[in-house]
Protein backbone atom coordinates (compact mmCIF):
# COMPACT_ATOMS: atom_id res chain seq x y z
CA UNK A 1 -91.80 -29.52 146.17
CA UNK A 2 -87.78 -28.86 146.71
CA UNK A 3 -86.03 -28.97 142.47
CA UNK A 4 -82.08 -29.49 143.54
CA UNK A 5 -79.08 -29.82 140.98
CA UNK A 6 -76.11 -31.93 141.83
CA UNK A 7 -73.21 -33.56 140.65
CA UNK A 8 -73.08 -37.58 141.57
CA UNK A 9 -70.15 -39.29 140.28
CA UNK A 10 -69.21 -36.39 138.18
CA UNK A 11 -72.42 -36.11 136.07
CA UNK A 12 -74.50 -33.17 136.86
CA UNK A 13 -78.11 -34.20 137.65
CA UNK A 14 -81.68 -32.57 138.16
CA UNK A 15 -83.77 -34.24 141.86
CA UNK A 16 -86.54 -34.12 144.14
CA UNK A 17 -85.12 -32.66 147.56
CA UNK A 18 -87.16 -33.95 150.87
CA UNK A 19 -85.55 -33.57 154.15
CA UNK A 20 -81.58 -34.99 153.26
CA UNK A 21 -82.52 -37.09 150.58
CA UNK A 22 -83.08 -36.67 147.25
CA UNK A 23 -84.94 -38.69 144.32
CA UNK A 24 -82.90 -38.06 141.62
CA UNK A 25 -84.93 -37.45 138.02
CA UNK A 26 -84.17 -37.69 134.23
CA UNK A 27 -85.11 -35.17 132.79
CA UNK A 28 -83.62 -30.93 132.77
CA UNK A 29 -84.90 -28.29 135.49
CA UNK A 30 -86.69 -26.41 133.17
CA UNK A 31 -88.67 -29.16 132.20
CA UNK A 32 -89.40 -29.81 135.51
CA UNK A 33 -90.07 -26.73 136.72
CA UNK A 34 -92.71 -26.39 133.77
CA UNK A 35 -94.23 -30.31 134.69
CA UNK A 36 -96.87 -30.82 137.57
CA UNK A 37 -96.33 -34.44 137.81
CA UNK A 38 -92.77 -36.21 138.52
CA UNK A 39 -93.49 -39.37 139.47
CA UNK A 40 -92.92 -41.15 136.47
CA UNK A 41 -89.42 -39.34 135.72
CA UNK A 42 -88.02 -40.59 139.16
CA UNK A 43 -84.69 -42.38 139.33
CA UNK A 44 -82.10 -43.27 142.31
CA UNK A 45 -81.72 -41.99 145.58
CA UNK A 46 -79.40 -40.41 147.06
CA UNK A 47 -78.54 -38.81 150.65
CA UNK A 48 -77.88 -35.06 150.42
CA UNK A 49 -73.94 -35.49 152.05
CA UNK A 50 -72.91 -38.13 148.45
CA UNK A 51 -73.33 -35.56 146.11
CA UNK A 52 -72.42 -31.70 145.88
CA UNK A 53 -74.74 -28.97 145.22
CA UNK A 54 -74.83 -26.85 142.27
CA UNK A 55 -76.00 -23.73 141.32
CA UNK A 56 -79.95 -24.53 140.74
CA UNK A 57 -80.17 -23.28 137.10
CA UNK A 58 -77.61 -21.24 135.19
CA UNK A 59 -79.02 -18.71 134.28
CA UNK A 60 -78.10 -16.00 131.25
CA UNK A 61 -79.27 -13.57 133.42
CA UNK A 62 -79.69 -11.64 136.97
CA UNK A 63 -81.70 -8.33 136.97
CA UNK A 64 -81.55 -7.23 140.70
CA UNK A 65 -84.16 -5.26 142.49
CA UNK A 66 -83.07 -1.96 144.81
CA UNK A 67 -85.00 -0.23 147.85
CA UNK A 68 -87.69 -3.03 147.90
CA UNK A 69 -88.28 -3.07 150.72
CA UNK A 70 -90.46 -0.26 152.92
CA UNK A 71 -88.67 -1.28 156.49
CA UNK A 72 -85.08 -0.30 154.32
CA UNK A 73 -86.22 2.24 152.99
CA UNK A 74 -87.01 4.05 156.56
CA UNK A 75 -83.51 3.04 157.85
CA UNK A 76 -82.16 4.80 154.67
CA UNK A 77 -84.29 7.25 155.48
CA UNK A 78 -84.49 7.01 151.73
CA UNK A 79 -88.18 8.18 149.73
CA UNK A 80 -90.22 5.12 148.25
CA UNK A 81 -88.99 4.94 144.29
CA UNK A 82 -91.98 5.54 142.56
CA UNK A 83 -90.59 2.07 140.01
CA UNK A 84 -88.43 -0.78 140.00
CA UNK A 85 -85.15 0.44 139.90
CA UNK A 86 -82.85 -2.39 138.39
CA UNK A 87 -79.51 -3.50 137.80
CA UNK A 88 -78.11 -6.41 136.69
CA UNK A 89 -74.92 -8.86 137.64
CA UNK A 90 -73.15 -11.34 135.48
CA UNK A 91 -73.96 -15.44 134.99
CA UNK A 92 -69.79 -15.48 135.80
CA UNK A 93 -70.88 -13.77 139.58
CA UNK A 94 -73.29 -17.64 140.00
CA UNK A 95 -71.55 -19.85 143.02
CA UNK A 96 -73.21 -23.05 144.93
CA UNK A 97 -74.98 -22.77 148.45
CA UNK A 98 -71.51 -23.91 150.02
CA UNK A 99 -68.90 -22.68 147.54
CA UNK A 100 -66.14 -19.78 148.40
CA UNK A 101 -67.08 -16.44 147.97
CA UNK A 102 -64.00 -14.65 147.07
CA UNK A 103 -62.79 -10.87 149.32
CA UNK A 104 -61.19 -9.47 146.16
CA UNK A 105 -57.68 -7.61 147.09
CA UNK A 106 -57.89 -3.80 146.54
CA UNK A 107 -62.20 -4.39 148.28
CA UNK A 108 -62.20 -1.95 151.31
CA UNK A 109 -66.00 -3.58 152.37
CA UNK A 110 -67.83 -6.47 150.82
CA UNK A 111 -71.26 -6.82 152.22
CA UNK A 112 -74.12 -9.20 151.81
CA UNK A 113 -77.48 -8.62 150.75
CA UNK A 114 -79.75 -11.58 151.41
CA UNK A 115 -83.53 -11.79 148.76
CA UNK A 116 -85.70 -14.08 147.77
CA UNK A 117 -84.87 -14.78 144.00
CA UNK A 118 -87.79 -15.47 141.60
CA UNK A 119 -86.21 -18.37 138.74
CA UNK A 120 -88.31 -17.92 135.33
CA UNK A 121 -90.09 -21.06 133.63
CA UNK A 122 -91.08 -19.48 130.48
CA UNK A 123 -90.46 -16.75 127.88
CA UNK A 124 -91.49 -13.98 128.71
CA UNK A 125 -91.77 -10.40 126.88
CA UNK A 126 -94.17 -8.12 127.59
CA UNK A 127 -96.04 -10.08 130.25
CA UNK A 128 -99.42 -8.65 132.67
CA UNK A 129 -99.10 -9.22 136.24
CA UNK A 130 -102.05 -10.70 136.52
CA UNK A 131 -100.62 -13.21 134.27
CA UNK A 132 -96.97 -13.07 136.34
CA UNK A 133 -97.27 -16.46 137.64
CA UNK A 134 -97.27 -18.45 134.45
CA UNK A 135 -93.71 -17.49 133.65
CA UNK A 136 -92.42 -18.69 137.99
CA UNK A 137 -90.82 -21.67 137.87
CA UNK A 138 -90.73 -21.10 141.50
CA UNK A 139 -87.93 -19.50 144.16
CA UNK A 140 -84.53 -20.20 145.44
CA UNK A 141 -82.49 -17.65 147.85
CA UNK A 142 -79.59 -15.63 146.47
CA UNK A 143 -77.00 -13.60 148.34
CA UNK A 144 -75.78 -10.44 146.72
CA UNK A 145 -73.02 -10.24 147.09
CA UNK A 146 -71.86 -6.10 147.02
CA UNK A 147 -67.88 -4.18 147.00
CA UNK A 148 -69.86 -1.25 148.69
CA UNK A 149 -66.78 1.56 148.75
CA UNK A 150 -66.75 0.52 145.02
CA UNK A 151 -70.83 1.13 144.80
CA UNK A 152 -70.06 4.27 146.88
CA UNK A 153 -66.77 5.10 144.39
CA UNK A 154 -68.65 4.25 140.87
CA UNK A 155 -71.62 6.27 138.73
CA UNK A 156 -72.70 2.76 138.07
CA UNK A 157 -73.32 -0.37 139.95
CA UNK A 158 -72.49 -3.06 137.65
CA UNK A 159 -68.21 -3.35 138.92
CA UNK A 160 -69.23 -2.99 142.48
CA UNK A 161 -71.96 -5.95 141.88
CA UNK A 162 -70.29 -8.25 139.17
CA UNK A 163 -66.67 -9.92 140.55
CA UNK A 164 -66.64 -13.58 140.14
CA UNK A 165 -68.89 -14.88 143.06
CA UNK A 166 -70.20 -12.27 143.61
CA UNK A 167 -74.48 -14.05 143.81
CA UNK A 168 -74.52 -17.32 145.85
CA UNK A 169 -77.63 -19.34 144.52
CA UNK A 170 -79.54 -21.71 145.96
CA UNK A 171 -79.59 -24.86 147.17
CA UNK A 172 -82.59 -26.00 145.23
CA UNK A 173 -85.73 -23.93 144.01
CA UNK A 174 -89.18 -23.89 146.14
CA UNK A 175 -92.09 -24.48 143.48
CA UNK A 176 -94.83 -24.36 145.80
CA UNK A 177 -94.85 -21.20 148.40
CA UNK A 178 -97.18 -18.04 149.52
CA UNK A 179 -93.68 -15.82 148.20
CA UNK A 180 -95.82 -12.64 149.68
CA UNK A 181 -95.19 -14.08 152.93
CA UNK A 182 -92.00 -15.16 154.03
CA UNK A 183 -89.56 -14.86 156.37
CA UNK A 184 -86.32 -13.77 155.01
CA UNK A 185 -83.08 -13.40 157.34
CA UNK A 186 -79.94 -13.59 157.22
CA UNK A 187 -77.38 -15.06 159.85
CA UNK A 188 -73.07 -13.48 159.68
CA UNK A 189 -70.80 -16.37 162.12
CA UNK A 190 -74.56 -17.32 163.62
CA UNK A 191 -75.96 -13.66 164.72
CA UNK A 192 -78.71 -12.16 163.49
CA UNK A 193 -78.00 -9.39 160.88
CA UNK A 194 -81.20 -9.03 158.79
CA UNK A 195 -85.02 -10.63 159.62
CA UNK A 196 -87.56 -9.08 157.80
CA UNK A 197 -90.91 -11.02 155.24
CA UNK A 198 -91.34 -10.31 151.96
CA UNK A 199 -94.80 -9.03 152.57
CA UNK A 200 -92.73 -5.84 153.83
CA UNK A 201 -92.05 -5.20 149.70
CA UNK A 202 -92.59 -2.06 147.97
CA UNK A 203 -93.28 -3.43 144.42
CA UNK A 204 -94.49 -7.11 144.29
CA UNK A 205 -92.63 -10.39 142.17
CA UNK A 206 -95.87 -9.77 139.92
CA UNK A 207 -95.19 -6.15 139.56
CA UNK A 208 -91.66 -7.15 138.66
CA UNK A 209 -92.70 -9.37 136.02
CA UNK A 210 -94.00 -6.75 134.00
CA UNK A 211 -91.78 -4.42 134.47
CA UNK A 212 -89.10 -6.37 134.27
CA UNK A 213 -90.31 -8.13 130.56
CA UNK A 214 -91.52 -4.35 128.99
CA UNK A 215 -88.04 -4.09 129.15
CA UNK A 216 -86.24 -7.64 128.54
CA UNK A 217 -86.51 -10.69 127.17
CA UNK A 218 -86.86 -12.86 130.10
CA UNK A 219 -85.20 -16.85 129.73
CA UNK A 220 -86.43 -19.62 131.55
CA UNK A 221 -83.78 -20.04 134.02
CA UNK A 222 -83.32 -15.94 134.45
CA UNK A 223 -83.40 -15.19 137.96
CA UNK A 224 -84.57 -12.12 139.61
CA UNK A 225 -83.45 -11.00 142.56
CA UNK A 226 -86.25 -9.29 144.68
CA UNK A 227 -84.65 -6.92 146.88
CA UNK A 228 -82.80 -7.14 150.29
CA UNK A 229 -84.04 -5.95 153.73
CA UNK A 230 -82.62 -4.09 156.19
CA UNK A 231 -79.96 -5.01 158.20
CA UNK A 232 -77.07 -4.64 155.24
CA UNK A 233 -73.66 -4.94 155.92
CA UNK A 234 -70.23 -6.18 155.81
CA UNK A 235 -68.53 -9.93 155.79
CA UNK A 236 -64.87 -10.46 156.40
CA UNK A 237 -61.86 -13.53 155.92
CA UNK A 238 -63.83 -16.51 157.25
CA UNK A 239 -66.93 -14.93 158.00
CA UNK A 240 -69.64 -17.31 157.44
CA UNK A 241 -72.74 -16.11 156.20
CA UNK A 242 -76.53 -18.10 155.80
CA UNK A 243 -79.36 -16.09 154.07
CA UNK A 244 -81.55 -17.58 154.61
CA UNK A 245 -85.86 -17.92 153.27
CA UNK A 246 -88.70 -19.90 155.37
CA UNK A 247 -89.85 -21.76 152.76
CA UNK A 248 -86.74 -22.75 150.97
CA UNK A 249 -84.23 -22.98 153.25
CA UNK A 250 -80.81 -21.69 154.34
CA UNK A 251 -78.07 -20.70 151.27
CA UNK A 252 -74.61 -20.86 153.95
CA UNK A 253 -71.26 -19.90 152.15
CA UNK A 254 -67.27 -18.35 153.42
CA UNK A 255 -65.67 -15.04 152.98
CA UNK A 256 -61.79 -15.88 151.35
């Protein structure tokens, strides 16, 4: 099931996405993620072209994983890390499907990074990996936009990862899929740049939830970006970037 957040007639709504139709439901996103049956909550239906898509959740934090694909480590000739490398992006960096990525004036290299993102549905603290699925509401697509020149310059990654619009997210949340075997790809101006599978991840989603939740409490709506596959590269102004995870869909944004 695909859940989507959107605006219609000036009002924010939640719905179930079925092809090009959205069936509105009358409960908040987090409640929907924790509900097995939404049939009693359904209201009006809309065409996808009639609404404005919003980010599927408003996270209190976005926790990102560096170097989490074996084929990406091979590409960079780097050793496999012994434990997850984490960093964070602020909620103010989040934008929706079709919203514009702003190329900062003083940045000289702006890179794309397609990622599968976990949406947390329940407060998670000191979670064991074999219990992690109880805290997963679903999955969405994320583009970890990075000012690569600043990342190379700074010791910390915060500045390079945190500009407004540097976290495109969406377009929906898929609640039922095999996250361990998903094709993940990215096209820049229709040219394939990244192409891998989540089965190449070094640390599983469950391991990541265990690791992170022993450091910080994860709240409903929080996002874990699970790392990017090989093929990362630069974007230019007026480029169109499309990140895709097989069972979720395409996240499309233009750089301005």
